[in-house]
């Protein structure tokens, strides 16, 4: 089996010293290196690398879907975000090992980061407050209705929820990964054709990466996938600061919710 966790990066970084982890470079920046060898890139083969400014790490996800064959598991992590067995340390020695993952996948479908949980927010209000326009989510709902109507009810439930899995980090079998990607990109490419980004800021234009975080939750719930979670650590941030930041985020007030979502 060719088990791999691909670490998405757009810049030179220190990567885990474990052959399980393999960096993948996104976008069209200068060539990066790992262990004195060029890092694999998302701009070869069947790719959407040119969309990196709006699709974020999904350009790597698409490349892995289209260009990697594996009968093992595949994982997506980030150059500074990793799944760990120790929530109180960002040391590499606690990052997931192959045996940790094989053990988890023996009884579940996906290995994911722990959920984000808010006291006074929903998935909808978190998006509207922090990353995009609330109208985005209405347009996305219309897109789902057109492309995968059976997922609409689950989508509404996810938006009304006060918790969700975020950061587009996952580990699962390549077969399940491929099924998820086929569904995800069918929706995203249609959504891309409809949404107007002309007055969006640089950050807001990363919309497809942001909404895909929501869509992962929709897929998991609708397909009744089982999940094992691990703490997500930031290798560039002391764990204590992360805890304080999450406590602060839980105190936000919920903003306006549109009528089309209130009734769901």
Protein backbone atom coordinates (compact mmCIF):
# COMPACT_ATOMS: atom_id res chain seq x y z
CA UNK A 1 0.00 0.00 0.00
CA UNK A 2 1.16 3.51 -0.81
CA UNK A 3 0.00 5.36 2.32
CA UNK A 4 0.81 9.08 2.23
CA UNK A 5 -0.09 12.33 3.93
CA UNK A 6 0.44 15.23 1.54
CA UNK A 7 1.46 18.49 3.20
CA UNK A 8 0.19 21.46 1.18
CA UNK A 9 2.54 24.42 1.08
CA UNK A 10 3.14 27.60 -0.87
CA UNK A 11 6.46 28.41 0.79
CA UNK A 12 9.59 26.78 2.12
CA UNK A 13 8.98 25.24 5.53
CA UNK A 14 10.24 22.55 7.88
CA UNK A 15 8.33 19.36 7.18
CA UNK A 16 7.97 16.23 9.32
CA UNK A 17 10.96 13.89 9.19
CA UNK A 18 8.89 10.88 8.31
CA UNK A 19 8.51 9.29 4.84
CA UNK A 20 4.75 9.11 5.47
CA UNK A 21 4.61 12.89 4.94
CA UNK A 22 5.14 14.30 1.45
CA UNK A 23 5.03 18.06 0.72
CA UNK A 24 3.12 19.30 -2.33
CA UNK A 25 3.60 22.84 -3.62
CA UNK A 26 0.59 24.84 -4.82
CA UNK A 27 0.51 27.74 -7.25
CA UNK A 28 3.25 29.04 -9.51
CA UNK A 29 5.88 30.29 -7.03
CA UNK A 30 9.59 29.54 -7.15
CA UNK A 31 10.43 25.84 -6.91
CA UNK A 32 10.63 24.58 -3.32
CA UNK A 33 12.80 21.77 -1.94
CA UNK A 34 12.58 19.03 0.67
CA UNK A 35 15.53 16.86 1.66
CA UNK A 36 17.49 18.56 -1.15
CA UNK A 37 14.99 17.38 -3.80
CA UNK A 38 12.27 19.40 -5.58
CA UNK A 39 8.83 19.20 -3.95
CA UNK A 40 6.05 17.74 -6.10
CA UNK A 41 3.86 20.46 -7.57
CA UNK A 42 0.21 20.88 -8.45
CA UNK A 43 0.91 22.39 -11.90
CA UNK A 44 1.67 19.22 -13.85
CA UNK A 45 -0.61 16.60 -15.37
CA UNK A 46 -4.35 17.20 -14.98
CA UNK A 47 -4.42 20.30 -12.78
CA UNK A 48 -6.18 23.53 -11.73
CA UNK A 49 -3.06 25.16 -10.30
CA UNK A 50 -3.95 28.51 -11.92
CA UNK A 51 -7.00 28.69 -9.62
CA UNK A 52 -4.92 28.62 -6.43
CA UNK A 53 -5.73 32.22 -5.44
CA UNK A 54 -9.43 31.30 -5.18
CA UNK A 55 -9.37 27.53 -4.56
CA UNK A 56 -6.51 27.57 -1.99
CA UNK A 57 -5.37 24.06 -0.97
CA UNK A 58 -8.03 22.55 -3.23
CA UNK A 59 -5.66 22.85 -6.18
CA UNK A 60 -3.53 20.23 -4.41
CA UNK A 61 -6.61 18.16 -3.57
CA UNK A 62 -7.66 18.19 -7.25
CA UNK A 63 -4.15 17.23 -8.40
CA UNK A 64 -3.99 14.30 -5.98
CA UNK A 65 -7.44 13.14 -7.09
CA UNK A 66 -6.51 13.20 -10.77
CA UNK A 67 -2.84 12.17 -10.73
CA UNK A 68 -2.21 9.80 -7.80
CA UNK A 69 -3.18 6.14 -7.80
CA UNK A 70 -3.10 4.34 -4.46
CA UNK A 71 -4.64 1.32 -2.80
CA UNK A 72 -3.84 2.76 0.63
CA UNK A 73 -4.89 5.88 2.47
CA UNK A 74 -4.34 9.48 1.45
CA UNK A 75 -4.15 12.50 3.74
CA UNK A 76 -4.22 16.28 3.37
CA UNK A 77 -2.49 18.49 5.93
CA UNK A 78 -0.85 21.92 5.78
CA UNK A 79 2.69 23.21 6.18
CA UNK A 80 1.80 24.58 9.62
CA UNK A 81 -1.28 22.54 10.62
CA UNK A 82 -0.98 18.89 11.56
CA UNK A 83 -2.98 16.22 13.35
CA UNK A 84 -1.35 15.19 16.60
CA UNK A 85 -1.76 12.82 19.52
CA UNK A 86 -0.91 15.64 21.95
CA UNK A 87 -3.02 18.80 22.00
CA UNK A 88 -0.60 20.54 24.37
CA UNK A 89 2.53 20.29 22.23
CA UNK A 90 3.42 21.23 18.67
CA UNK A 91 6.43 18.90 18.60
CA UNK A 92 6.86 16.77 15.49
CA UNK A 93 7.23 13.66 17.61
CA UNK A 94 3.49 13.67 18.35
CA UNK A 95 2.34 13.99 14.73
CA UNK A 96 0.26 11.05 13.54
CA UNK A 97 2.23 7.97 12.53
CA UNK A 98 1.17 5.40 9.99
CA UNK A 99 0.16 2.95 12.71
CA UNK A 100 -2.05 5.59 14.38
CA UNK A 101 -3.91 6.12 11.13
CA UNK A 102 -4.22 2.47 10.16
CA UNK A 103 -5.64 1.73 13.60
CA UNK A 104 -8.23 4.52 13.29
CA UNK A 105 -9.22 3.61 9.73
CA UNK A 106 -9.81 0.02 10.78
CA UNK A 107 -13.07 1.18 12.38
CA UNK A 108 -13.91 4.53 10.74
CA UNK A 109 -14.08 6.15 7.31
CA UNK A 110 -12.32 9.47 7.92
CA UNK A 111 -9.63 10.80 10.25
CA UNK A 112 -10.24 14.53 10.81
CA UNK A 113 -9.29 17.43 13.07
CA UNK A 114 -11.51 17.99 16.08
CA UNK A 115 -14.62 20.05 15.39
CA UNK A 116 -14.80 23.79 15.88
CA UNK A 117 -17.59 24.46 18.39
CA UNK A 118 -19.07 27.90 19.12
CA UNK A 119 -21.25 29.15 21.94
CA UNK A 120 -22.99 31.89 19.96
CA UNK A 121 -22.29 31.14 16.32
CA UNK A 122 -23.52 28.85 13.60
CA UNK A 123 -21.67 27.65 10.53
CA UNK A 124 -23.65 30.24 8.59
CA UNK A 125 -22.89 33.16 10.89
CA UNK A 126 -19.24 32.20 11.19
CA UNK A 127 -18.88 32.39 7.42
CA UNK A 128 -20.79 35.69 7.17
CA UNK A 129 -18.75 37.28 9.98
CA UNK A 130 -15.28 36.09 9.18
CA UNK A 131 -14.61 35.08 5.58
CA UNK A 132 -17.24 35.98 3.00
CA UNK A 133 -20.61 37.40 1.96
CA UNK A 134 -23.70 35.72 3.39
CA UNK A 135 -25.19 35.74 -0.12
CA UNK A 136 -22.47 33.27 -1.15
CA UNK A 137 -24.16 30.56 0.87
CA UNK A 138 -27.53 31.18 -0.77
CA UNK A 139 -25.95 30.88 -4.22
CA UNK A 140 -24.17 27.73 -3.10
CA UNK A 141 -27.47 26.29 -1.94
CA UNK A 142 -28.97 26.92 -5.37
CA UNK A 143 -25.98 25.21 -6.95
CA UNK A 144 -26.37 22.15 -4.73
CA UNK A 145 -30.07 22.06 -5.56
CA UNK A 146 -29.19 21.96 -9.27
CA UNK A 147 -26.31 19.48 -9.10
CA UNK A 148 -27.04 17.27 -6.07
CA UNK A 149 -30.55 18.04 -4.86
CA UNK A 150 -30.54 15.22 -2.32
CA UNK A 151 -27.88 17.10 -0.33
CA UNK A 152 -29.86 20.35 0.16
CA UNK A 153 -31.57 19.37 3.39
CA UNK A 154 -28.26 18.30 4.91
CA UNK A 155 -26.63 21.54 3.72
CA UNK A 156 -29.29 23.59 5.54
CA UNK A 157 -28.77 21.55 8.70
CA UNK A 158 -25.01 22.08 8.57
CA UNK A 159 -25.42 25.87 8.18
CA UNK A 160 -27.65 25.94 11.26
CA UNK A 161 -25.24 23.86 13.32
CA UNK A 162 -22.96 25.35 15.95
CA UNK A 163 -20.09 23.01 15.12
CA UNK A 164 -18.21 21.73 12.07
CA UNK A 165 -14.97 20.25 10.81
CA UNK A 166 -12.74 22.87 9.20
CA UNK A 167 -9.39 23.47 7.50
CA UNK A 168 -9.78 20.95 4.66
CA UNK A 169 -7.65 18.39 6.47
CA UNK A 170 -8.61 14.74 6.15
CA UNK A 171 -7.29 11.21 5.91
CA UNK A 172 -9.21 8.38 4.26
CA UNK A 173 -8.89 5.62 1.68
CA UNK A 174 -8.03 6.81 -1.83
CA UNK A 175 -11.26 5.23 -3.06
CA UNK A 176 -13.35 7.30 -0.65
CA UNK A 177 -11.22 10.38 -1.37
CA UNK A 178 -11.95 10.03 -5.10
CA UNK A 179 -15.70 9.71 -4.51
CA UNK A 180 -15.73 12.81 -2.34
CA UNK A 181 -13.65 14.82 -4.84
CA UNK A 182 -15.92 13.91 -7.74
CA UNK A 183 -18.91 15.26 -5.82
CA UNK A 184 -17.09 18.30 -4.44
CA UNK A 185 -15.62 19.63 -7.67
CA UNK A 186 -18.84 19.04 -9.60
CA UNK A 187 -20.48 21.53 -7.25
CA UNK A 188 -17.56 23.95 -6.98
CA UNK A 189 -17.01 24.32 -10.73
CA UNK A 190 -20.71 25.06 -11.24
CA UNK A 191 -20.65 27.50 -8.30
CA UNK A 192 -17.59 29.18 -9.82
CA UNK A 193 -19.55 29.83 -13.02
CA UNK A 194 -22.34 31.59 -11.12
CA UNK A 195 -20.80 33.63 -8.30
CA UNK A 196 -19.53 37.15 -9.09
CA UNK A 197 -16.21 37.98 -7.38
CA UNK A 198 -15.67 41.39 -8.98
CA UNK A 199 -16.10 43.38 -5.74
CA UNK A 200 -14.48 40.84 -3.40
CA UNK A 201 -11.30 41.47 -1.45
CA UNK A 202 -8.24 39.27 -1.97
CA UNK A 203 -9.20 37.26 1.10
CA UNK A 204 -12.87 36.94 0.11
CA UNK A 205 -11.81 35.64 -3.31
CA UNK A 206 -10.57 32.49 -1.57
CA UNK A 207 -14.25 31.62 -1.48
CA UNK A 208 -14.00 28.12 -2.98
CA UNK A 209 -11.57 26.99 -0.33
CA UNK A 210 -13.86 28.41 2.37
CA UNK A 211 -17.11 26.88 1.14
CA UNK A 212 -15.46 23.51 0.57
CA UNK A 213 -14.93 23.31 4.35
CA UNK A 214 -18.70 23.49 4.76
CA UNK A 215 -19.27 20.99 1.96
CA UNK A 216 -17.07 18.38 3.62
CA UNK A 217 -19.47 18.39 6.58
CA UNK A 218 -22.43 18.03 4.24
CA UNK A 219 -20.81 15.02 2.56
CA UNK A 220 -19.95 13.35 5.86
CA UNK A 221 -23.45 13.68 7.33
CA UNK A 222 -25.39 12.81 4.19
CA UNK A 223 -23.29 9.71 3.52
CA UNK A 224 -23.21 8.71 7.20
CA UNK A 225 -19.42 8.48 7.20
CA UNK A 226 -17.83 7.55 10.51
CA UNK A 227 -15.10 9.78 11.88
CA UNK A 228 -12.17 9.60 14.28
CA UNK A 229 -10.77 12.98 15.35
CA UNK A 230 -7.39 14.11 16.61
CA UNK A 231 -6.24 17.49 17.92
CA UNK A 232 -4.99 19.88 15.26
CA UNK A 233 -1.86 21.76 16.21
CA UNK A 234 -0.13 24.71 14.58
CA UNK A 235 3.61 24.15 14.32
CA UNK A 236 4.11 27.93 14.28
CA UNK A 237 1.86 28.71 17.29
CA UNK A 238 2.21 27.62 20.93
CA UNK A 239 -0.76 25.44 21.90
CA UNK A 240 -1.74 27.71 24.81
CA UNK A 241 -2.33 30.63 22.43
CA UNK A 242 -4.57 28.44 20.28
CA UNK A 243 -6.72 27.55 23.30
CA UNK A 244 -7.12 31.22 24.24
CA UNK A 245 -8.02 32.13 20.66
CA UNK A 246 -10.74 29.48 20.49
CA UNK A 247 -12.21 30.65 23.80
CA UNK A 248 -12.42 34.17 22.39
CA UNK A 249 -14.08 32.96 19.19
CA UNK A 250 -16.79 31.27 21.23
CA UNK A 251 -17.97 34.66 22.56
CA UNK A 252 -19.05 36.19 19.28
CA UNK A 253 -22.69 37.19 18.90
CA UNK A 254 -24.79 35.64 16.16
CA UNK A 255 -25.68 38.07 13.34
CA UNK A 256 -28.74 38.17 11.12
CA UNK A 257 -29.90 34.85 9.65
CA UNK A 258 -31.83 34.95 6.35
CA UNK A 259 -35.42 33.72 6.12
CA UNK A 260 -34.52 30.88 3.77
CA UNK A 261 -32.35 29.37 6.51
CA UNK A 262 -34.45 30.21 9.59
CA UNK A 263 -37.16 27.79 8.60
CA UNK A 264 -34.81 24.84 8.08
